[in-house]
C-alpha cells in the first residue's frame, strides 16, 4: 500500500511550548524534517477526522503526551497507534490502520488509552456514537451485574448497620445540642433514569441555609454548623442514606445524586452530563474519593470525568478500592 500523505505533528501551541512527560529533547517542529530524530517510547500516533485534530492535540498537550496526528511516515516499528471517531475516518486512514494491525501494532480507541493513563474519562472527546457502540457501556444492559450490585448493597447495609446506628445516635444528640432545627435533612435529588427521590442526611447546616435560594456547598461554608463541619469531614452526615439504599433509590457506590436545579445548568456546559443517571447514585463514589468538594462548573466537569469512568469500568475490585478510600476519609476526617 503506497500512502504519500504526511499528516500533521501536533506538539505545541502557538504561545506555549509543550512539556513532555518523558522526553527532555524537544520534538521536531515539522514532520518532514529531522528524520534522524529518535523518539521516546511514549510517542503515540493518532488517526482521526481532520476537524478533530485541534481538540485532540489540546487535550494531549494538557497531559504532556508526545504525539503525532494523522502522520503516516513517522510510524515506527512497535509504535502505539490510536484512532478517534473511526466511523468517520477516510478509506486511506482505515486501510493504513488495518495494515498496521496485520503487522502486530497495537491499534485501539484513543479514549480507552486515555482512560488507562489518566484514571478518568476525557468527556470532551465523547460523542453519541461512542455511547452507542462501545462495549464498555454494555455493563448497563447486563441484568446479572445489576442484581449482583444490588445484593452487594444489601450485604453492606447489614454489615455496617450496628456501627452506623451507634454513630448515628451520637451524631443526632450532637446536632440537637449544637443548633436549633431538625436532626435529619431531606432534599429532592435526581436518581436513576432521571427519577427524583428524597435523599436523607444528618443536618449539617443552619436551618436558614438556603433563604437566598439554591446554591452549591463550599469549602469553609459559613452556613455549616460546628457539628456539621465535623460530620461532613468524616462523612457521618451521609449515614442515613443507608435508608435510601435499602429503598433501592441509591447504591453504596456511584455518582453522587445532584439537584434538578443544578443539573439543568450543568448539562448545558458538560457533554452528556445526564448519562450519570444511567446508574443509581451512590453514597460514595470514585469522584468523591479522587476529587475535592465541587464548587464550580469546572469542578463538576472534573467529577463527571470520574463518574463516567466508573460507569464504564465498574467492577468488584474497583468498588473495594473506593470503599477503602472512603474508610480512610472517615477515619482521618479528610472530607469537606
C-alpha atoms as a PDB file:
ATOM      1  CA  UNK A   1       0.000   0.000   0.000  1.00  0.00           C
ATOM      2  CA  UNK A   2       1.556   3.289  -1.119  1.00  0.00           C
ATOM      3  CA  UNK A   3       0.486   6.204   1.032  1.00  0.00           C
ATOM      4  CA  UNK A   4       2.051   9.561   0.341  1.00  0.00           C
ATOM      5  CA  UNK A   5       0.122  11.730   2.816  1.00  0.00           C
ATOM      6  CA  UNK A   6       2.465  13.031   5.536  1.00  0.00           C
ATOM      7  CA  UNK A   7      -0.114  14.220   8.039  1.00  0.00           C
ATOM      8  CA  UNK A   8       0.448  16.645  10.891  1.00  0.00           C
ATOM      9  CA  UNK A   9       2.542  16.559  14.004  1.00  0.00           C
ATOM     10  CA  UNK A  10       0.796  18.246  16.935  1.00  0.00           C
ATOM     11  CA  UNK A  11       3.266  19.035  19.692  1.00  0.00           C
ATOM     12  CA  UNK A  12       2.955  22.657  20.705  1.00  0.00           C
ATOM     13  CA  UNK A  13       0.533  25.551  20.842  1.00  0.00           C
ATOM     14  CA  UNK A  14       1.368  28.891  19.186  1.00  0.00           C
ATOM     15  CA  UNK A  15       2.140  30.535  22.526  1.00  0.00           C
ATOM     16  CA  UNK A  16       3.122  27.808  24.972  1.00  0.00           C
ATOM     17  CA  UNK A  17       5.646  25.035  24.317  1.00  0.00           C
ATOM     18  CA  UNK A  18       4.535  21.562  25.298  1.00  0.00           C
ATOM     19  CA  UNK A  19       6.244  19.972  28.311  1.00  0.00           C
ATOM     20  CA  UNK A  20       6.825  16.288  27.605  1.00  0.00           C
ATOM     21  CA  UNK A  21       6.298  13.570  30.173  1.00  0.00           C
ATOM     22  CA  UNK A  22       9.471  11.670  29.361  1.00  0.00           C
ATOM     23  CA  UNK A  23      11.242  13.477  26.517  1.00  0.00           C
ATOM     24  CA  UNK A  24      13.820  16.041  27.620  1.00  0.00           C
ATOM     25  CA  UNK A  25      14.689  16.742  23.986  1.00  0.00           C
ATOM     26  CA  UNK A  26      12.216  18.894  22.012  1.00  0.00           C
ATOM     27  CA  UNK A  27      10.337  17.239  19.173  1.00  0.00           C
ATOM     28  CA  UNK A  28      10.928  18.388  15.585  1.00  0.00           C
ATOM     29  CA  UNK A  29       8.912  21.411  14.543  1.00  0.00           C
ATOM     30  CA  UNK A  30       7.924  19.859  11.220  1.00  0.00           C
ATOM     31  CA  UNK A  31       7.115  16.237  10.402  1.00  0.00           C
ATOM     32  CA  UNK A  32       9.146  16.374   7.170  1.00  0.00           C
ATOM     33  CA  UNK A  33      12.305  17.495   8.933  1.00  0.00           C
ATOM     34  CA  UNK A  34      14.798  15.880  11.321  1.00  0.00           C
ATOM     35  CA  UNK A  35      14.092  12.361  10.077  1.00  0.00           C
ATOM     36  CA  UNK A  36      17.015  11.084  12.176  1.00  0.00           C
ATOM     37  CA  UNK A  37      15.339  12.197  15.440  1.00  0.00           C
ATOM     38  CA  UNK A  38      14.958   9.349  17.938  1.00  0.00           C
ATOM     39  CA  UNK A  39      11.521   9.378  19.528  1.00  0.00           C
ATOM     40  CA  UNK A  40      10.630   8.335  23.050  1.00  0.00           C
ATOM     41  CA  UNK A  41       8.607   5.174  23.564  1.00  0.00           C
ATOM     42  CA  UNK A  42       5.901   7.435  24.955  1.00  0.00           C
ATOM     43  CA  UNK A  43       5.298   8.897  21.477  1.00  0.00           C
ATOM     44  CA  UNK A  44       1.842   7.937  20.244  1.00  0.00           C
ATOM     45  CA  UNK A  45       0.198   8.213  16.842  1.00  0.00           C
ATOM     46  CA  UNK A  46      -3.442   9.182  16.386  1.00  0.00           C
ATOM     47  CA  UNK A  47      -5.611   8.939  13.283  1.00  0.00           C
ATOM     48  CA  UNK A  48      -8.807  10.939  13.331  1.00  0.00           C
ATOM     49  CA  UNK A  49     -11.092  13.125  11.155  1.00  0.00           C
ATOM     50  CA  UNK A  50      -9.305  16.344  10.205  1.00  0.00           C
ATOM     51  CA  UNK A  51     -11.824  18.522  12.055  1.00  0.00           C
ATOM     52  CA  UNK A  52     -10.918  16.802  15.357  1.00  0.00           C
ATOM     53  CA  UNK A  53      -7.154  17.353  15.238  1.00  0.00           C
ATOM     54  CA  UNK A  54      -7.184  20.589  17.220  1.00  0.00           C
ATOM     55  CA  UNK A  55      -9.236  19.360  20.208  1.00  0.00           C
ATOM     56  CA  UNK A  56      -7.246  16.107  20.440  1.00  0.00           C
ATOM     57  CA  UNK A  57      -3.936  17.938  20.353  1.00  0.00           C
ATOM     58  CA  UNK A  58      -5.123  20.389  23.005  1.00  0.00           C
ATOM     59  CA  UNK A  59      -6.078  17.590  25.413  1.00  0.00           C
ATOM     60  CA  UNK A  60      -2.866  15.624  24.849  1.00  0.00           C
ATOM     61  CA  UNK A  61      -0.796  18.756  25.386  1.00  0.00           C
ATOM     62  CA  UNK A  62      -2.552  19.337  28.707  1.00  0.00           C
ATOM     63  CA  UNK A  63      -1.314  15.917  29.819  1.00  0.00           C
ATOM     64  CA  UNK A  64       2.164  16.302  28.261  1.00  0.00           C
ATOM     65  CA  UNK A  65       1.712  13.301  25.971  1.00  0.00           C
ATOM     66  CA  UNK A  66       4.036  13.463  22.909  1.00  0.00           C
ATOM     67  CA  UNK A  67       2.044  12.675  19.795  1.00  0.00           C
ATOM     68  CA  UNK A  68       1.637  12.783  16.046  1.00  0.00           C
ATOM     69  CA  UNK A  69      -1.773  13.204  14.439  1.00  0.00           C
ATOM     70  CA  UNK A  70      -2.591  11.748  11.003  1.00  0.00           C
ATOM     71  CA  UNK A  71       1.078  11.173  10.249  1.00  0.00           C
ATOM     72  CA  UNK A  72       1.794   8.070   8.173  1.00  0.00           C
ATOM     73  CA  UNK A  73       5.547   8.406   7.572  1.00  0.00           C
ATOM     74  CA  UNK A  74       6.736   8.633  11.191  1.00  0.00           C
ATOM     75  CA  UNK A  75       5.102   5.436  12.476  1.00  0.00           C
ATOM     76  CA  UNK A  76       7.957   3.231  13.657  1.00  0.00           C
ATOM     77  CA  UNK A  77       8.044  -0.466  14.483  1.00  0.00           C
ATOM     78  CA  UNK A  78       6.243  -1.204  17.729  1.00  0.00           C
ATOM     79  CA  UNK A  79       4.668   2.264  17.945  1.00  0.00           C
ATOM     80  CA  UNK A  80       1.297   2.545  19.669  1.00  0.00           C
ATOM     81  CA  UNK A  81      -1.421   3.714  17.316  1.00  0.00           C
ATOM     82  CA  UNK A  82      -4.845   5.025  18.278  1.00  0.00           C
ATOM     83  CA  UNK A  83      -7.943   6.068  16.406  1.00  0.00           C
ATOM     84  CA  UNK A  84     -10.719   8.518  17.192  1.00  0.00           C
ATOM     85  CA  UNK A  85     -14.191   8.592  15.618  1.00  0.00           C
ATOM     86  CA  UNK A  86     -13.250   5.589  13.485  1.00  0.00           C
ATOM     87  CA  UNK A  87     -16.574   5.650  11.623  1.00  0.00           C
ATOM     88  CA  UNK A  88     -15.597   8.992  10.073  1.00  0.00           C
ATOM     89  CA  UNK A  89     -12.077   8.017   9.075  1.00  0.00           C
ATOM     90  CA  UNK A  90     -11.222   8.159   5.388  1.00  0.00           C
ATOM     91  CA  UNK A  91     -10.695   4.999   3.365  1.00  0.00           C
ATOM     92  CA  UNK A  92      -6.992   5.819   3.311  1.00  0.00           C
ATOM     93  CA  UNK A  93      -6.839   6.062   7.109  1.00  0.00           C
ATOM     94  CA  UNK A  94      -8.768   2.817   7.631  1.00  0.00           C
ATOM     95  CA  UNK A  95      -6.596   0.896   5.179  1.00  0.00           C
ATOM     96  CA  UNK A  96      -3.468   2.185   6.896  1.00  0.00           C
ATOM     97  CA  UNK A  97      -4.692   1.118  10.349  1.00  0.00           C
ATOM     98  CA  UNK A  98      -5.702  -2.342   9.116  1.00  0.00           C
ATOM     99  CA  UNK A  99      -2.284  -2.738   7.512  1.00  0.00           C
ATOM    100  CA  UNK A 100      -0.602  -1.875  10.822  1.00  0.00           C
ATOM    101  CA  UNK A 101      -2.761  -4.354  12.762  1.00  0.00           C
ATOM    102  CA  UNK A 102      -1.667  -7.079  10.328  1.00  0.00           C
ATOM    103  CA  UNK A 103       1.959  -6.410  11.289  1.00  0.00           C
ATOM    104  CA  UNK A 104       1.499  -6.516  15.046  1.00  0.00           C
ATOM    105  CA  UNK A 105       0.865  -2.887  16.011  1.00  0.00           C
ATOM    106  CA  UNK A 106      -1.412  -2.049  18.903  1.00  0.00           C
ATOM    107  CA  UNK A 107      -4.342  -0.148  17.377  1.00  0.00           C
ATOM    108  CA  UNK A 108      -7.172   0.847  19.697  1.00  0.00           C
ATOM    109  CA  UNK A 109      -9.533   3.735  20.525  1.00  0.00           C
ATOM    110  CA  UNK A 110      -7.783   6.841  21.867  1.00  0.00           C
ATOM    111  CA  UNK A 111     -10.321   7.206  24.690  1.00  0.00           C
ATOM    112  CA  UNK A 112      -9.514   3.730  26.015  1.00  0.00           C
ATOM    113  CA  UNK A 113      -5.806   4.611  26.126  1.00  0.00           C
ATOM    114  CA  UNK A 114      -6.505   7.858  27.993  1.00  0.00           C
ATOM    115  CA  UNK A 115      -8.763   6.028  30.456  1.00  0.00           C
ATOM    116  CA  UNK A 116      -5.889   3.755  31.431  1.00  0.00           C
ATOM    117  CA  UNK A 117      -3.295   6.521  31.562  1.00  0.00           C
ATOM    118  CA  UNK A 118      -5.353   9.151  33.406  1.00  0.00           C
ATOM    119  CA  UNK A 119      -7.701   7.088  35.563  1.00  0.00           C
ATOM    120  CA  UNK A 120     -10.725   9.043  34.308  1.00  0.00           C
ATOM    121  CA  UNK A 121     -12.550   9.665  31.033  1.00  0.00           C
ATOM    122  CA  UNK A 122     -11.925  12.791  28.981  1.00  0.00           C
ATOM    123  CA  UNK A 123     -15.588  13.705  28.431  1.00  0.00           C
ATOM    124  CA  UNK A 124     -14.716  16.362  25.865  1.00  0.00           C
ATOM    125  CA  UNK A 125     -13.824  13.542  23.471  1.00  0.00           C
ATOM    126  CA  UNK A 126     -17.097  11.648  23.932  1.00  0.00           C
ATOM    127  CA  UNK A 127     -19.806  11.645  21.291  1.00  0.00           C
ATOM    128  CA  UNK A 128     -23.093   9.852  20.702  1.00  0.00           C
ATOM    129  CA  UNK A 129     -21.505   7.113  18.571  1.00  0.00           C
ATOM    130  CA  UNK A 130     -19.150   6.237  21.405  1.00  0.00           C
ATOM    131  CA  UNK A 131     -22.031   5.688  23.818  1.00  0.00           C
ATOM    132  CA  UNK A 132     -23.946   3.634  21.264  1.00  0.00           C
ATOM    133  CA  UNK A 133     -21.161   1.366  20.068  1.00  0.00           C
ATOM    134  CA  UNK A 134     -18.528   0.995  22.768  1.00  0.00           C
ATOM    135  CA  UNK A 135     -18.570  -2.344  24.574  1.00  0.00           C
ATOM    136  CA  UNK A 136     -17.648  -0.578  27.815  1.00  0.00           C
ATOM    137  CA  UNK A 137     -21.206   0.543  28.380  1.00  0.00           C
ATOM    138  CA  UNK A 138     -22.702  -2.899  27.766  1.00  0.00           C
ATOM    139  CA  UNK A 139     -22.436  -3.325  31.550  1.00  0.00           C
ATOM    140  CA  UNK A 140     -25.565  -1.177  31.803  1.00  0.00           C
ATOM    141  CA  UNK A 141     -27.521  -3.865  29.944  1.00  0.00           C
ATOM    142  CA  UNK A 142     -26.300  -6.847  31.957  1.00  0.00           C
ATOM    143  CA  UNK A 143     -29.014  -7.762  34.439  1.00  0.00           C
ATOM    144  CA  UNK A 144     -26.765 -10.230  36.266  1.00  0.00           C
ATOM    145  CA  UNK A 145     -24.346  -7.458  37.217  1.00  0.00           C
ATOM    146  CA  UNK A 146     -27.225  -5.218  38.222  1.00  0.00           C
ATOM    147  CA  UNK A 147     -28.562  -7.950  40.520  1.00  0.00           C
ATOM    148  CA  UNK A 148     -25.051  -8.580  41.880  1.00  0.00           C
ATOM    149  CA  UNK A 149     -24.622  -4.903  42.728  1.00  0.00           C
ATOM    150  CA  UNK A 150     -27.998  -4.862  44.485  1.00  0.00           C
ATOM    151  CA  UNK A 151     -27.002  -7.892  46.561  1.00  0.00           C
ATOM    152  CA  UNK A 152     -23.719  -6.194  47.483  1.00  0.00           C
ATOM    153  CA  UNK A 153     -25.635  -3.086  48.592  1.00  0.00           C
ATOM    154  CA  UNK A 154     -27.880  -5.137  50.891  1.00  0.00           C
ATOM    155  CA  UNK A 155     -24.941  -7.052  52.392  1.00  0.00           C
ATOM    156  CA  UNK A 156     -23.019  -3.828  53.068  1.00  0.00           C
ATOM    157  CA  UNK A 157     -26.118  -2.317  54.696  1.00  0.00           C
ATOM    158  CA  UNK A 158     -26.362  -5.284  57.049  1.00  0.00           C
ATOM    159  CA  UNK A 159     -22.631  -5.274  57.841  1.00  0.00           C
ATOM    160  CA  UNK A 160     -22.462  -1.615  58.842  1.00  0.00           C
ATOM    161  CA  UNK A 161     -25.930  -1.400  60.405  1.00  0.00           C
ATOM    162  CA  UNK A 162     -24.773  -1.623  64.055  1.00  0.00           C
ATOM    163  CA  UNK A 163     -21.765   0.782  63.868  1.00  0.00           C
ATOM    164  CA  UNK A 164     -23.865   3.145  61.730  1.00  0.00           C
ATOM    165  CA  UNK A 165     -26.628   3.094  64.339  1.00  0.00           C
ATOM    166  CA  UNK A 166     -24.196   3.880  67.187  1.00  0.00           C
ATOM    167  CA  UNK A 167     -22.564   6.721  65.256  1.00  0.00           C
ATOM    168  CA  UNK A 168     -25.988   7.927  64.177  1.00  0.00           C
ATOM    169  CA  UNK A 169     -27.288   8.211  67.755  1.00  0.00           C
ATOM    170  CA  UNK A 170     -24.176  10.155  68.827  1.00  0.00           C
ATOM    171  CA  UNK A 171     -24.472  12.439  65.788  1.00  0.00           C
ATOM    172  CA  UNK A 172     -28.180  13.036  66.402  1.00  0.00           C
ATOM    173  CA  UNK A 173     -27.581  14.097  70.023  1.00  0.00           C
ATOM    174  CA  UNK A 174     -24.698  16.392  68.993  1.00  0.00           C
ATOM    175  CA  UNK A 175     -26.767  18.031  66.228  1.00  0.00           C
ATOM    176  CA  UNK A 176     -29.673  18.669  68.594  1.00  0.00           C
ATOM    177  CA  UNK A 177     -27.413  20.244  71.239  1.00  0.00           C
ATOM    178  CA  UNK A 178     -25.431  22.313  68.755  1.00  0.00           C
ATOM    179  CA  UNK A 179     -28.127  24.218  66.862  1.00  0.00           C
ATOM    180  CA  UNK A 180     -31.917  24.587  66.604  1.00  0.00           C
ATOM    181  CA  UNK A 181     -33.736  22.623  63.934  1.00  0.00           C
ATOM    182  CA  UNK A 182     -34.411  19.028  62.894  1.00  0.00           C
ATOM    183  CA  UNK A 183     -31.827  16.249  63.139  1.00  0.00           C
ATOM    184  CA  UNK A 184     -32.410  14.970  59.641  1.00  0.00           C
ATOM    185  CA  UNK A 185     -32.373  16.858  56.388  1.00  0.00           C
ATOM    186  CA  UNK A 186     -34.399  15.756  53.370  1.00  0.00           C
ATOM    187  CA  UNK A 187     -33.879  17.095  49.892  1.00  0.00           C
ATOM    188  CA  UNK A 188     -35.053  16.087  46.427  1.00  0.00           C
ATOM    189  CA  UNK A 189     -32.304  14.719  44.223  1.00  0.00           C
ATOM    190  CA  UNK A 190     -32.275  13.156  40.765  1.00  0.00           C
ATOM    191  CA  UNK A 191     -31.651   9.413  40.674  1.00  0.00           C
ATOM    192  CA  UNK A 192     -31.519   6.617  38.141  1.00  0.00           C
ATOM    193  CA  UNK A 193     -33.364   7.259  34.884  1.00  0.00           C
ATOM    194  CA  UNK A 194     -33.874  10.908  35.972  1.00  0.00           C
ATOM    195  CA  UNK A 195     -36.410   9.977  38.663  1.00  0.00           C
ATOM    196  CA  UNK A 196     -36.468  12.261  41.681  1.00  0.00           C
ATOM    197  CA  UNK A 197     -36.306  10.919  45.228  1.00  0.00           C
ATOM    198  CA  UNK A 198     -35.732  12.343  48.693  1.00  0.00           C
ATOM    199  CA  UNK A 199     -32.202  11.904  49.946  1.00  0.00           C
ATOM    200  CA  UNK A 200     -31.840  11.663  53.736  1.00  0.00           C
ATOM    201  CA  UNK A 201     -28.861  13.166  55.575  1.00  0.00           C
ATOM    202  CA  UNK A 202     -27.958  14.379  59.027  1.00  0.00           C
ATOM    203  CA  UNK A 203     -28.413  18.147  59.044  1.00  0.00           C
ATOM    204  CA  UNK A 204     -25.041  19.891  58.834  1.00  0.00           C
ATOM    205  CA  UNK A 205     -26.188  23.442  58.073  1.00  0.00           C
ATOM    206  CA  UNK A 206     -28.253  26.114  59.775  1.00  0.00           C
ATOM    207  CA  UNK A 207     -31.989  25.837  59.108  1.00  0.00           C
ATOM    208  CA  UNK A 208     -31.986  29.050  57.012  1.00  0.00           C
ATOM    209  CA  UNK A 209     -29.057  27.928  54.836  1.00  0.00           C
ATOM    210  CA  UNK A 210     -30.952  28.462  51.583  1.00  0.00           C
ATOM    211  CA  UNK A 211     -33.022  31.508  52.395  1.00  0.00           C
ATOM    212  CA  UNK A 212     -31.474  33.172  49.318  1.00  0.00           C
ATOM    213  CA  UNK A 213     -32.125  30.214  47.019  1.00  0.00           C
ATOM    214  CA  UNK A 214     -30.287  27.041  45.997  1.00  0.00           C
ATOM    215  CA  UNK A 215     -26.508  27.263  45.957  1.00  0.00           C
ATOM    216  CA  UNK A 216     -23.521  24.928  45.939  1.00  0.00           C
ATOM    217  CA  UNK A 217     -21.955  23.940  49.240  1.00  0.00           C
ATOM    218  CA  UNK A 218     -18.476  25.424  49.542  1.00  0.00           C
ATOM    219  CA  UNK A 219     -15.271  24.715  51.397  1.00  0.00           C
ATOM    220  CA  UNK A 220     -15.372  26.526  54.755  1.00  0.00           C
ATOM    221  CA  UNK A 221     -19.038  27.297  54.104  1.00  0.00           C
ATOM    222  CA  UNK A 222     -20.329  29.770  56.712  1.00  0.00           C
ATOM    223  CA  UNK A 223     -23.726  28.060  56.677  1.00  0.00           C
ATOM    224  CA  UNK A 224     -22.254  24.878  58.154  1.00  0.00           C
ATOM    225  CA  UNK A 225     -22.649  24.401  61.920  1.00  0.00           C
ATOM    226  CA  UNK A 226     -19.813  23.328  64.258  1.00  0.00           C
ATOM    227  CA  UNK A 227     -21.063  19.753  64.463  1.00  0.00           C
ATOM    228  CA  UNK A 228     -21.958  19.893  60.792  1.00  0.00           C
ATOM    229  CA  UNK A 229     -18.361  20.670  59.902  1.00  0.00           C
ATOM    230  CA  UNK A 230     -17.177  17.514  61.687  1.00  0.00           C
ATOM    231  CA  UNK A 231     -19.816  15.135  60.322  1.00  0.00           C
ATOM    232  CA  UNK A 232     -19.226  16.412  56.796  1.00  0.00           C
ATOM    233  CA  UNK A 233     -15.466  15.861  57.011  1.00  0.00           C
ATOM    234  CA  UNK A 234     -15.971  12.336  58.324  1.00  0.00           C
ATOM    235  CA  UNK A 235     -18.936  11.625  56.008  1.00  0.00           C
ATOM    236  CA  UNK A 236     -21.096  10.760  59.018  1.00  0.00           C
ATOM    237  CA  UNK A 237     -23.780  13.064  57.614  1.00  0.00           C
ATOM    238  CA  UNK A 238     -24.250  10.555  54.772  1.00  0.00           C
ATOM    239  CA  UNK A 239     -25.079   7.577  57.038  1.00  0.00           C
ATOM    240  CA  UNK A 240     -28.892   7.992  56.894  1.00  0.00           C
ATOM    241  CA  UNK A 241     -28.666   7.338  53.158  1.00  0.00           C
ATOM    242  CA  UNK A 242     -28.432   3.656  54.017  1.00  0.00           C
ATOM    243  CA  UNK A 243     -32.225   4.000  54.137  1.00  0.00           C
ATOM    244  CA  UNK A 244     -32.143   5.217  50.531  1.00  0.00           C
ATOM    245  CA  UNK A 245     -30.016   2.196  49.634  1.00  0.00           C
ATOM    246  CA  UNK A 246     -32.483  -0.220  51.239  1.00  0.00           C
ATOM    247  CA  UNK A 247     -35.301   1.518  49.360  1.00  0.00           C
ATOM    248  CA  UNK A 248     -33.376   0.809  46.134  1.00  0.00           C
ATOM    249  CA  UNK A 249     -33.134   4.531  45.383  1.00  0.00           C
ATOM    250  CA  UNK A 250     -29.353   4.580  45.774  1.00  0.00           C
ATOM    251  CA  UNK A 251     -26.362   2.294  45.750  1.00  0.00           C
ATOM    252  CA  UNK A 252     -23.373   2.391  48.079  1.00  0.00           C
ATOM    253  CA  UNK A 253     -21.098   3.326  45.191  1.00  0.00           C
ATOM    254  CA  UNK A 254     -21.967   5.509  42.233  1.00  0.00           C
ATOM    255  CA  UNK A 255     -22.167   9.150  41.121  1.00  0.00           C
ATOM    256  CA  UNK A 256     -23.419  11.469  43.858  1.00  0.00           C
ATOM    257  CA  UNK A 257     -27.067  12.469  43.320  1.00  0.00           C
ATOM    258  CA  UNK A 258     -27.491  16.086  42.278  1.00  0.00           C
ATOM    259  CA  UNK A 259     -30.377  18.534  42.474  1.00  0.00           C
ATOM    260  CA  UNK A 260     -32.510  19.161  39.391  1.00  0.00           C
ATOM    261  CA  UNK A 261     -31.897  22.915  39.512  1.00  0.00           C
ATOM    262  CA  UNK A 262     -28.138  22.358  39.183  1.00  0.00           C
ATOM    263  CA  UNK A 263     -28.439  19.572  36.600  1.00  0.00           C
ATOM    264  CA  UNK A 264     -30.290  21.866  34.222  1.00  0.00           C
ATOM    265  CA  UNK A 265     -27.333  24.254  34.312  1.00  0.00           C
ATOM    266  CA  UNK A 266     -24.625  21.620  34.248  1.00  0.00           C
ATOM    267  CA  UNK A 267     -25.962  19.724  31.246  1.00  0.00           C
ATOM    268  CA  UNK A 268     -25.646  22.918  29.191  1.00  0.00           C
ATOM    269  CA  UNK A 269     -21.927  23.091  29.988  1.00  0.00           C
ATOM    270  CA  UNK A 270     -20.877  19.433  30.301  1.00  0.00           C
ATOM    271  CA  UNK A 271     -21.248  16.917  27.432  1.00  0.00           C
ATOM    272  CA  UNK A 272     -23.604  14.018  28.222  1.00  0.00           C
ATOM    273  CA  UNK A 273     -23.952  15.058  31.859  1.00  0.00           C
ATOM    274  CA  UNK A 274     -27.250  13.219  32.351  1.00  0.00           C
ATOM    275  CA  UNK A 275     -25.600   9.940  31.370  1.00  0.00           C
ATOM    276  CA  UNK A 276     -24.652   9.631  35.038  1.00  0.00           C
ATOM    277  CA  UNK A 277     -28.326   8.832  35.644  1.00  0.00           C
ATOM    278  CA  UNK A 278     -27.984   5.552  33.751  1.00  0.00           C
ATOM    279  CA  UNK A 279     -26.940   4.058  37.110  1.00  0.00           C
ATOM    280  CA  UNK A 280     -28.149   4.518  40.652  1.00  0.00           C
ATOM    281  CA  UNK A 281     -26.438   7.339  42.556  1.00  0.00           C
ATOM    282  CA  UNK A 282     -24.135   6.371  45.398  1.00  0.00           C
ATOM    283  CA  UNK A 283     -23.376   7.314  48.993  1.00  0.00           C
ATOM    284  CA  UNK A 284     -19.746   7.399  47.927  1.00  0.00           C
ATOM    285  CA  UNK A 285     -18.053   7.139  44.569  1.00  0.00           C
ATOM    286  CA  UNK A 286     -14.873   7.441  42.542  1.00  0.00           C
ATOM    287  CA  UNK A 287     -15.310  11.196  42.085  1.00  0.00           C
ATOM    288  CA  UNK A 288     -15.792  11.667  45.840  1.00  0.00           C
ATOM    289  CA  UNK A 289     -12.570   9.891  46.804  1.00  0.00           C
ATOM    290  CA  UNK A 290     -10.462  11.214  43.929  1.00  0.00           C
ATOM    291  CA  UNK A 291     -11.541  14.845  43.696  1.00  0.00           C
ATOM    292  CA  UNK A 292     -12.142  17.686  46.094  1.00  0.00           C
ATOM    293  CA  UNK A 293     -15.531  19.118  47.048  1.00  0.00           C
ATOM    294  CA  UNK A 294     -17.125  20.726  43.988  1.00  0.00           C
ATOM    295  CA  UNK A 295     -17.972  24.420  43.946  1.00  0.00           C
ATOM    296  CA  UNK A 296     -17.790  25.389  40.271  1.00  0.00           C
ATOM    297  CA  UNK A 297     -18.756  24.215  36.791  1.00  0.00           C
ATOM    298  CA  UNK A 298     -15.149  23.157  36.253  1.00  0.00           C
ATOM    299  CA  UNK A 299     -15.266  21.063  39.444  1.00  0.00           C
ATOM    300  CA  UNK A 300     -18.464  19.403  38.230  1.00  0.00           C
ATOM    301  CA  UNK A 301     -16.804  18.683  34.871  1.00  0.00           C
ATOM    302  CA  UNK A 302     -13.824  17.049  36.579  1.00  0.00           C
ATOM    303  CA  UNK A 303     -16.097  14.930  38.755  1.00  0.00           C
ATOM    304  CA  UNK A 304     -18.092  13.889  35.697  1.00  0.00           C
ATOM    305  CA  UNK A 305     -14.885  12.504  34.200  1.00  0.00           C
ATOM    306  CA  UNK A 306     -14.504  10.146  37.168  1.00  0.00           C
ATOM    307  CA  UNK A 307     -18.208   9.263  37.204  1.00  0.00           C
ATOM    308  CA  UNK A 308     -18.135   8.357  33.513  1.00  0.00           C
ATOM    309  CA  UNK A 309     -15.014   6.255  34.070  1.00  0.00           C
ATOM    310  CA  UNK A 310     -16.746   4.409  36.908  1.00  0.00           C
ATOM    311  CA  UNK A 311     -19.860   3.699  34.859  1.00  0.00           C
ATOM    312  CA  UNK A 312     -17.678   2.245  32.104  1.00  0.00           C
ATOM    313  CA  UNK A 313     -15.309   0.218  34.254  1.00  0.00           C
ATOM    314  CA  UNK A 314     -17.252  -0.604  37.421  1.00  0.00           C
ATOM    315  CA  UNK A 315     -16.303  -3.948  38.928  1.00  0.00           C
ATOM    316  CA  UNK A 316     -15.858  -5.526  42.346  1.00  0.00           C
ATOM    317  CA  UNK A 317     -12.149  -4.660  42.626  1.00  0.00           C
ATOM    318  CA  UNK A 318     -12.783  -1.002  41.805  1.00  0.00           C
ATOM    319  CA  UNK A 319     -15.643  -0.951  44.315  1.00  0.00           C
ATOM    320  CA  UNK A 320     -13.354  -2.330  47.044  1.00  0.00           C
ATOM    321  CA  UNK A 321     -10.778   0.380  46.293  1.00  0.00           C
ATOM    322  CA  UNK A 322     -13.436   3.082  46.583  1.00  0.00           C
ATOM    323  CA  UNK A 323     -14.719   1.615  49.863  1.00  0.00           C
ATOM    324  CA  UNK A 324     -11.146   1.508  51.237  1.00  0.00           C
ATOM    325  CA  UNK A 325     -10.531   5.151  50.285  1.00  0.00           C
ATOM    326  CA  UNK A 326     -13.891   6.129  51.798  1.00  0.00           C
ATOM    327  CA  UNK A 327     -13.000   4.415  55.090  1.00  0.00           C
ATOM    328  CA  UNK A 328      -9.710   6.321  55.070  1.00  0.00           C
ATOM    329  CA  UNK A 329     -11.651   9.551  54.607  1.00  0.00           C
ATOM    330  CA  UNK A 330     -13.987   8.724  57.503  1.00  0.00           C
ATOM    331  CA  UNK A 331     -11.194   7.703  59.889  1.00  0.00           C
ATOM    332  CA  UNK A 332      -8.964  10.690  59.181  1.00  0.00           C
ATOM    333  CA  UNK A 333     -11.624  13.320  58.504  1.00  0.00           C
ATOM    334  CA  UNK A 334     -10.286  14.061  55.017  1.00  0.00           C
ATOM    335  CA  UNK A 335     -13.622  15.087  53.515  1.00  0.00           C
ATOM    336  CA  UNK A 336     -15.080  18.556  53.143  1.00  0.00           C
END
